[in-house]
Each structure stands twice: as C-alpha cells, then as structure tokens.
C-alpha atoms as a PDB file:
ATOM      1  CA  UNK A   1    -215.885 -56.877  70.444  1.00  0.00           C
ATOM      2  CA  UNK A   2    -216.132 -54.492  67.491  1.00  0.00           C
ATOM      3  CA  UNK A   3    -215.514 -56.019  63.927  1.00  0.00           C
ATOM      4  CA  UNK A   4    -214.088 -53.527  61.139  1.00  0.00           C
ATOM      5  CA  UNK A   5    -213.465 -54.819  57.902  1.00  0.00           C
ATOM      6  CA  UNK A   6    -211.584 -53.632  55.277  1.00  0.00           C
ATOM      7  CA  UNK A   7    -211.672 -55.242  51.986  1.00  0.00           C
ATOM      8  CA  UNK A   8    -207.718 -54.738  50.509  1.00  0.00           C
ATOM      9  CA  UNK A   9    -205.670 -55.359  47.625  1.00  0.00           C
ATOM     10  CA  UNK A  10    -206.200 -55.552  44.212  1.00  0.00           C
ATOM     11  CA  UNK A  11    -208.071 -59.305  45.426  1.00  0.00           C
ATOM     12  CA  UNK A  12    -210.199 -58.148  47.656  1.00  0.00           C
ATOM     13  CA  UNK A  13    -208.842 -59.895  50.807  1.00  0.00           C
ATOM     14  CA  UNK A  14    -210.667 -58.985  54.516  1.00  0.00           C
ATOM     15  CA  UNK A  15    -209.097 -57.388  57.227  1.00  0.00           C
ATOM     16  CA  UNK A  16    -210.472 -57.306  60.273  1.00  0.00           C
ATOM     17  CA  UNK A  17    -209.948 -55.021  62.888  1.00  0.00           C
ATOM     18  CA  UNK A  18    -211.045 -56.662  66.371  1.00  0.00           C
ATOM     19  CA  UNK A  19    -211.743 -53.501  69.259  1.00  0.00           C
ATOM     20  CA  UNK A  20    -211.183 -55.083  72.492  1.00  0.00           C
ATOM     21  CA  UNK A  21    -210.659 -52.960  76.117  1.00  0.00           C
ATOM     22  CA  UNK A  22    -206.722 -52.529  75.521  1.00  0.00           C
ATOM     23  CA  UNK A  23    -206.322 -51.695  71.932  1.00  0.00           C
ATOM     24  CA  UNK A  24    -206.687 -53.532  68.917  1.00  0.00           C
ATOM     25  CA  UNK A  25    -205.908 -56.691  67.251  1.00  0.00           C
ATOM     26  CA  UNK A  26    -205.422 -56.530  63.303  1.00  0.00           C
ATOM     27  CA  UNK A  27    -206.164 -59.995  61.297  1.00  0.00           C
ATOM     28  CA  UNK A  28    -204.575 -60.472  58.024  1.00  0.00           C
ATOM     29  CA  UNK A  29    -203.519 -57.188  56.931  1.00  0.00           C
ATOM     30  CA  UNK A  30    -203.224 -57.592  53.003  1.00  0.00           C
ATOM     31  CA  UNK A  31    -201.949 -54.144  52.245  1.00  0.00           C
ATOM     32  CA  UNK A  32    -202.681 -50.650  52.024  1.00  0.00           C
ATOM     33  CA  UNK A  33    -201.551 -50.190  55.239  1.00  0.00           C
ATOM     34  CA  UNK A  34    -202.146 -46.024  55.528  1.00  0.00           C
ATOM     35  CA  UNK A  35    -205.967 -47.636  55.277  1.00  0.00           C
ATOM     36  CA  UNK A  36    -205.453 -49.992  58.065  1.00  0.00           C
ATOM     37  CA  UNK A  37    -203.709 -47.205  60.232  1.00  0.00           C
ATOM     38  CA  UNK A  38    -206.207 -44.721  59.924  1.00  0.00           C
ATOM     39  CA  UNK A  39    -209.133 -47.343  60.696  1.00  0.00           C
ATOM     40  CA  UNK A  40    -207.284 -47.449  63.775  1.00  0.00           C
ATOM     41  CA  UNK A  41    -207.201 -43.971  64.811  1.00  0.00           C
ATOM     42  CA  UNK A  42    -205.507 -43.180  68.370  1.00  0.00           C
ATOM     43  CA  UNK A  43    -206.098 -46.751  69.276  1.00  0.00           C
ATOM     44  CA  UNK A  44    -203.442 -49.685  69.737  1.00  0.00           C
ATOM     45  CA  UNK A  45    -202.382 -51.806  67.662  1.00  0.00           C
ATOM     46  CA  UNK A  46    -201.586 -54.695  69.944  1.00  0.00           C
ATOM     47  CA  UNK A  47    -200.805 -57.754  67.516  1.00  0.00           C
ATOM     48  CA  UNK A  48    -201.496 -58.751  64.326  1.00  0.00           C
ATOM     49  CA  UNK A  49    -202.896 -62.215  64.207  1.00  0.00           C
ATOM     50  CA  UNK A  50    -202.551 -63.876  60.535  1.00  0.00           C
ATOM     51  CA  UNK A  51    -204.384 -67.014  59.288  1.00  0.00           C
ATOM     52  CA  UNK A  52    -201.687 -68.047  56.782  1.00  0.00           C
ATOM     53  CA  UNK A  53    -198.737 -66.443  54.839  1.00  0.00           C
ATOM     54  CA  UNK A  54    -200.327 -66.083  51.318  1.00  0.00           C
ATOM     55  CA  UNK A  55    -198.990 -62.583  50.011  1.00  0.00           C
ATOM     56  CA  UNK A  56    -203.218 -61.641  49.725  1.00  0.00           C
ATOM     57  CA  UNK A  57    -203.226 -61.482  53.419  1.00  0.00           C
ATOM     58  CA  UNK A  58    -199.849 -60.098  54.732  1.00  0.00           C
ATOM     59  CA  UNK A  59    -198.828 -57.648  52.931  1.00  0.00           C
ATOM     60  CA  UNK A  60    -198.861 -54.555  55.115  1.00  0.00           C
ATOM     61  CA  UNK A  61    -197.361 -56.717  57.946  1.00  0.00           C
ATOM     62  CA  UNK A  62    -193.951 -55.154  57.886  1.00  0.00           C
ATOM     63  CA  UNK A  63    -195.152 -51.126  57.307  1.00  0.00           C
ATOM     64  CA  UNK A  64    -197.680 -51.911  60.495  1.00  0.00           C
ATOM     65  CA  UNK A  65    -195.123 -52.873  62.758  1.00  0.00           C
ATOM     66  CA  UNK A  66    -192.422 -50.615  61.829  1.00  0.00           C
ATOM     67  CA  UNK A  67    -195.152 -47.842  62.438  1.00  0.00           C
ATOM     68  CA  UNK A  68    -196.789 -49.335  65.630  1.00  0.00           C
ATOM     69  CA  UNK A  69    -194.194 -52.002  67.001  1.00  0.00           C
ATOM     70  CA  UNK A  70    -196.822 -54.383  67.559  1.00  0.00           C
ATOM     71  CA  UNK A  71    -196.470 -58.363  67.615  1.00  0.00           C
ATOM     72  CA  UNK A  72    -197.093 -60.770  64.305  1.00  0.00           C
ATOM     73  CA  UNK A  73    -198.503 -64.118  64.930  1.00  0.00           C
ATOM     74  CA  UNK A  74    -198.835 -67.095  62.721  1.00  0.00           C
ATOM     75  CA  UNK A  75    -198.884 -70.910  62.507  1.00  0.00           C
ATOM     76  CA  UNK A  76    -194.893 -72.084  62.347  1.00  0.00           C
ATOM     77  CA  UNK A  77    -196.150 -74.427  59.373  1.00  0.00           C
ATOM     78  CA  UNK A  78    -196.211 -71.562  57.488  1.00  0.00           C
ATOM     79  CA  UNK A  79    -192.769 -70.292  57.841  1.00  0.00           C
ATOM     80  CA  UNK A  80    -191.572 -72.905  54.923  1.00  0.00           C
ATOM     81  CA  UNK A  81    -193.806 -71.669  52.302  1.00  0.00           C
ATOM     82  CA  UNK A  82    -192.247 -70.529  49.469  1.00  0.00           C
ATOM     83  CA  UNK A  83    -191.243 -67.220  49.093  1.00  0.00           C
ATOM     84  CA  UNK A  84    -193.173 -67.094  45.623  1.00  0.00           C
ATOM     85  CA  UNK A  85    -196.303 -67.434  47.335  1.00  0.00           C
ATOM     86  CA  UNK A  86    -195.652 -65.207  50.813  1.00  0.00           C
ATOM     87  CA  UNK A  87    -194.023 -62.198  48.751  1.00  0.00           C
ATOM     88  CA  UNK A  88    -190.710 -62.581  50.626  1.00  0.00           C
ATOM     89  CA  UNK A  89    -189.930 -64.149  54.014  1.00  0.00           C
ATOM     90  CA  UNK A  90    -192.621 -64.233  56.531  1.00  0.00           C
ATOM     91  CA  UNK A  91    -192.435 -61.818  59.472  1.00  0.00           C
ATOM     92  CA  UNK A  92    -193.321 -62.958  62.685  1.00  0.00           C
ATOM     93  CA  UNK A  93    -192.516 -62.172  66.572  1.00  0.00           C
ATOM     94  CA  UNK A  94    -194.792 -65.222  68.155  1.00  0.00           C
ATOM     95  CA  UNK A  95    -195.786 -68.622  66.764  1.00  0.00           C
ATOM     96  CA  UNK A  96    -199.342 -70.452  67.707  1.00  0.00           C
ATOM     97  CA  UNK A  97    -201.090 -73.584  67.149  1.00  0.00           C
ATOM     98  CA  UNK A  98    -203.726 -75.662  67.665  1.00  0.00           C
ATOM     99  CA  UNK A  99    -205.928 -75.348  71.223  1.00  0.00           C
ATOM    100  CA  UNK A 100    -203.740 -72.095  71.498  1.00  0.00           C
ATOM    101  CA  UNK A 101    -205.452 -69.614  73.723  1.00  0.00           C
ATOM    102  CA  UNK A 102    -204.535 -66.573  74.046  1.00  0.00           C
ATOM    103  CA  UNK A 103    -205.667 -62.917  75.299  1.00  0.00           C
ATOM    104  CA  UNK A 104    -204.903 -59.996  73.629  1.00  0.00           C
ATOM    105  CA  UNK A 105    -205.314 -56.591  73.561  1.00  0.00           C
ATOM    106  CA  UNK A 106    -208.361 -57.906  75.855  1.00  0.00           C
ATOM    107  CA  UNK A 107    -209.720 -60.205  73.855  1.00  0.00           C
ATOM    108  CA  UNK A 108    -209.543 -63.745  74.251  1.00  0.00           C
ATOM    109  CA  UNK A 109    -209.507 -66.031  71.431  1.00  0.00           C
ATOM    110  CA  UNK A 110    -208.579 -70.094  70.558  1.00  0.00           C
ATOM    111  CA  UNK A 111    -206.625 -70.865  67.330  1.00  0.00           C
ATOM    112  CA  UNK A 112    -208.052 -73.916  65.332  1.00  0.00           C
ATOM    113  CA  UNK A 113    -205.156 -75.662  63.025  1.00  0.00           C
ATOM    114  CA  UNK A 114    -207.352 -75.907  59.886  1.00  0.00           C
ATOM    115  CA  UNK A 115    -204.640 -76.945  57.272  1.00  0.00           C
ATOM    116  CA  UNK A 116    -205.453 -77.439  53.770  1.00  0.00           C
ATOM    117  CA  UNK A 117    -204.999 -74.784  52.084  1.00  0.00           C
ATOM    118  CA  UNK A 118    -201.740 -74.287  53.093  1.00  0.00           C
ATOM    119  CA  UNK A 119    -200.426 -76.409  55.696  1.00  0.00           C
ATOM    120  CA  UNK A 120    -200.308 -73.433  58.742  1.00  0.00           C
ATOM    121  CA  UNK A 121    -203.846 -72.367  58.047  1.00  0.00           C
ATOM    122  CA  UNK A 122    -205.689 -71.387  60.963  1.00  0.00           C
ATOM    123  CA  UNK A 123    -209.719 -70.317  61.966  1.00  0.00           C
ATOM    124  CA  UNK A 124    -209.242 -67.725  65.367  1.00  0.00           C
ATOM    125  CA  UNK A 125    -212.210 -68.432  67.702  1.00  0.00           C
ATOM    126  CA  UNK A 126    -212.832 -65.292  69.673  1.00  0.00           C
ATOM    127  CA  UNK A 127    -216.396 -67.065  71.746  1.00  0.00           C
ATOM    128  CA  UNK A 128    -219.058 -66.959  68.359  1.00  0.00           C
ATOM    129  CA  UNK A 129    -216.546 -65.246  65.917  1.00  0.00           C
ATOM    130  CA  UNK A 130    -214.930 -67.428  63.584  1.00  0.00           C
ATOM    131  CA  UNK A 131    -212.205 -66.076  61.496  1.00  0.00           C
ATOM    132  CA  UNK A 132    -211.000 -68.551  58.957  1.00  0.00           C
ATOM    133  CA  UNK A 133    -208.782 -67.086  56.437  1.00  0.00           C
ATOM    134  CA  UNK A 134    -208.958 -68.833  53.198  1.00  0.00           C
ATOM    135  CA  UNK A 135    -210.103 -72.287  54.655  1.00  0.00           C
ATOM    136  CA  UNK A 136    -213.944 -71.665  54.608  1.00  0.00           C
ATOM    137  CA  UNK A 137    -215.866 -69.244  51.996  1.00  0.00           C
ATOM    138  CA  UNK A 138    -219.685 -68.721  52.264  1.00  0.00           C
ATOM    139  CA  UNK A 139    -220.449 -71.353  49.963  1.00  0.00           C
ATOM    140  CA  UNK A 140    -217.310 -72.277  49.350  1.00  0.00           C
ATOM    141  CA  UNK A 141    -213.318 -72.797  50.026  1.00  0.00           C
ATOM    142  CA  UNK A 142    -209.935 -71.952  49.456  1.00  0.00           C
ATOM    143  CA  UNK A 143    -207.835 -73.673  46.730  1.00  0.00           C
ATOM    144  CA  UNK A 144    -205.196 -76.337  47.400  1.00  0.00           C
ATOM    145  CA  UNK A 145    -203.887 -76.110  44.363  1.00  0.00           C
ATOM    146  CA  UNK A 146    -200.973 -73.340  45.457  1.00  0.00           C
ATOM    147  CA  UNK A 147    -197.737 -74.581  46.565  1.00  0.00           C
ATOM    148  CA  UNK A 148    -198.102 -75.916  50.131  1.00  0.00           C
ATOM    149  CA  UNK A 149    -202.090 -76.926  49.580  1.00  0.00           C
ATOM    150  CA  UNK A 150    -203.392 -80.529  50.123  1.00  0.00           C
ATOM    151  CA  UNK A 151    -206.778 -81.653  49.002  1.00  0.00           C
ATOM    152  CA  UNK A 152    -206.666 -84.485  51.260  1.00  0.00           C
ATOM    153  CA  UNK A 153    -205.987 -82.542  54.342  1.00  0.00           C
ATOM    154  CA  UNK A 154    -208.627 -79.787  53.076  1.00  0.00           C
ATOM    155  CA  UNK A 155    -211.090 -82.656  53.656  1.00  0.00           C
ATOM    156  CA  UNK A 156    -210.163 -83.512  57.413  1.00  0.00           C
ATOM    157  CA  UNK A 157    -210.146 -80.113  57.882  1.00  0.00           C
ATOM    158  CA  UNK A 158    -213.368 -79.503  56.530  1.00  0.00           C
ATOM    159  CA  UNK A 159    -214.854 -82.989  58.151  1.00  0.00           C
ATOM    160  CA  UNK A 160    -213.809 -81.465  61.602  1.00  0.00           C
ATOM    161  CA  UNK A 161    -215.872 -78.418  60.723  1.00  0.00           C
ATOM    162  CA  UNK A 162    -218.923 -79.953  59.679  1.00  0.00           C
ATOM    163  CA  UNK A 163    -219.078 -81.856  63.093  1.00  0.00           C
ATOM    164  CA  UNK A 164    -218.342 -78.247  64.864  1.00  0.00           C
ATOM    165  CA  UNK A 165    -221.532 -77.615  67.166  1.00  0.00           C
ATOM    166  CA  UNK A 166    -222.922 -74.657  67.853  1.00  0.00           C
ATOM    167  CA  UNK A 167    -223.116 -71.642  65.942  1.00  0.00           C
ATOM    168  CA  UNK A 168    -220.120 -69.225  64.793  1.00  0.00           C
ATOM    169  CA  UNK A 169    -220.194 -66.356  62.458  1.00  0.00           C
ATOM    170  CA  UNK A 170    -218.001 -66.888  59.894  1.00  0.00           C
ATOM    171  CA  UNK A 171    -215.679 -64.431  58.706  1.00  0.00           C
ATOM    172  CA  UNK A 172    -213.763 -65.573  55.591  1.00  0.00           C
ATOM    173  CA  UNK A 173    -210.744 -64.236  54.071  1.00  0.00           C
ATOM    174  CA  UNK A 174    -213.067 -63.602  50.938  1.00  0.00           C
ATOM    175  CA  UNK A 175    -216.319 -62.385  50.524  1.00  0.00           C
ATOM    176  CA  UNK A 176    -219.369 -61.552  52.660  1.00  0.00           C
ATOM    177  CA  UNK A 177    -219.835 -63.373  55.896  1.00  0.00           C
ATOM    178  CA  UNK A 178    -221.789 -66.113  56.873  1.00  0.00           C
ATOM    179  CA  UNK A 179    -222.632 -68.567  59.959  1.00  0.00           C
ATOM    180  CA  UNK A 180    -221.095 -72.470  60.395  1.00  0.00           C
ATOM    181  CA  UNK A 181    -224.792 -73.372  60.845  1.00  0.00           C
ATOM    182  CA  UNK A 182    -225.547 -72.051  57.315  1.00  0.00           C
ATOM    183  CA  UNK A 183    -222.377 -73.915  55.847  1.00  0.00           C
ATOM    184  CA  UNK A 184    -222.708 -76.980  57.297  1.00  0.00           C
ATOM    185  CA  UNK A 185    -226.295 -76.838  55.380  1.00  0.00           C
ATOM    186  CA  UNK A 186    -225.590 -75.573  52.447  1.00  0.00           C
ATOM    187  CA  UNK A 187    -222.417 -75.970  51.563  1.00  0.00           C
ATOM    188  CA  UNK A 188    -221.413 -78.601  48.834  1.00  0.00           C
ATOM    189  CA  UNK A 189    -217.718 -78.844  50.257  1.00  0.00           C
ATOM    190  CA  UNK A 190    -218.815 -79.565  53.833  1.00  0.00           C
END
C-alpha cells in the first residue's frame, strides 16, 4: 500500500491517499479538492473513507464525488451531528461500523469504532497501519468539548487502544505520525 499525505485546509488536516491494486482510497479529504485530484493523477478514486464528520475532515467530499462518482463511507452515528460542526448535511453512500472488514481498491481494512471525539469516530486498520482521525495524536488526543464529544466515552476508547496488542503505524488527523507502541508508552492520555 502506497500512502500519500496531504495537509489540507486552514487547520492543516491530514488527508491520506492510499494506492491499491485497483485504484485509490482517500481518507478525510478536508478541503482543496483540486490538490486531492492532482495527487490522484490518473488513478481511479474508488471511495472516500471518513474517520468522523467534522467540517475540517469532510470539506472536499462533495466536489470529489461530483468529479469522480466515488462512494463515501462514514459511521452512522455521525449523521446526527449538528450541521454547525459538519458544514451542512454529511454526504455518504455507505455506512460502516465496529468490526466491519472491507476490501476496496484492492485494499483490505477493518473498522474500529472509537467514539469520544464524536459519537461515530472510527480508526481504520490496514494491516499494521492505523488511520485514526482525531481519536489519537502523537502525544495527545482529540478534544471532547464540541457537540457530540464525550470525555467518559473517550476514556473507554483510549483504554481499548492502550490494550491493543502489536504495533501499528499511527496516522492521525493532524500532526505527525507515530506508532501505537510509542503512544502506549509515552502518551499521557493512554
């Protein structure tokens, strides 16, 4: 799997392009659809995968769908978020949830439901690569004080991540990548 990272929008959201054998997947296209399309080049965009529905992670969804006709996946709990933090109704064609195993663009992944930042936050695990949106950052975690956030639920999610065995490359929604082992050892929230 080939991973391309784009920092998009005024909040510097990490957007990930994952190259598979049958096209590409985009995780959290925050904005700047022209930059995403340029990075895709002539590769087919099969689907957009959303880790959660905040405006700074979904800004380019509609433009990319209009240009490519791709599918869009999100956890159903996100569909109830207030439009003030999603920049309008969340566009999607499919939902996914805890334990779902999908293969898209020739890439297989598992969905972990990791609520707390939002009710439907997810981490997407492609083998030993974890794309975690705003659930986990290098040395920190996502905030829980926005509508739909819940610190008690985030605590449960973090205990789950702290107990995961094996190591994952952690690709967060903002900032630098890390590893799960490093976060388990040094992140004060875990």
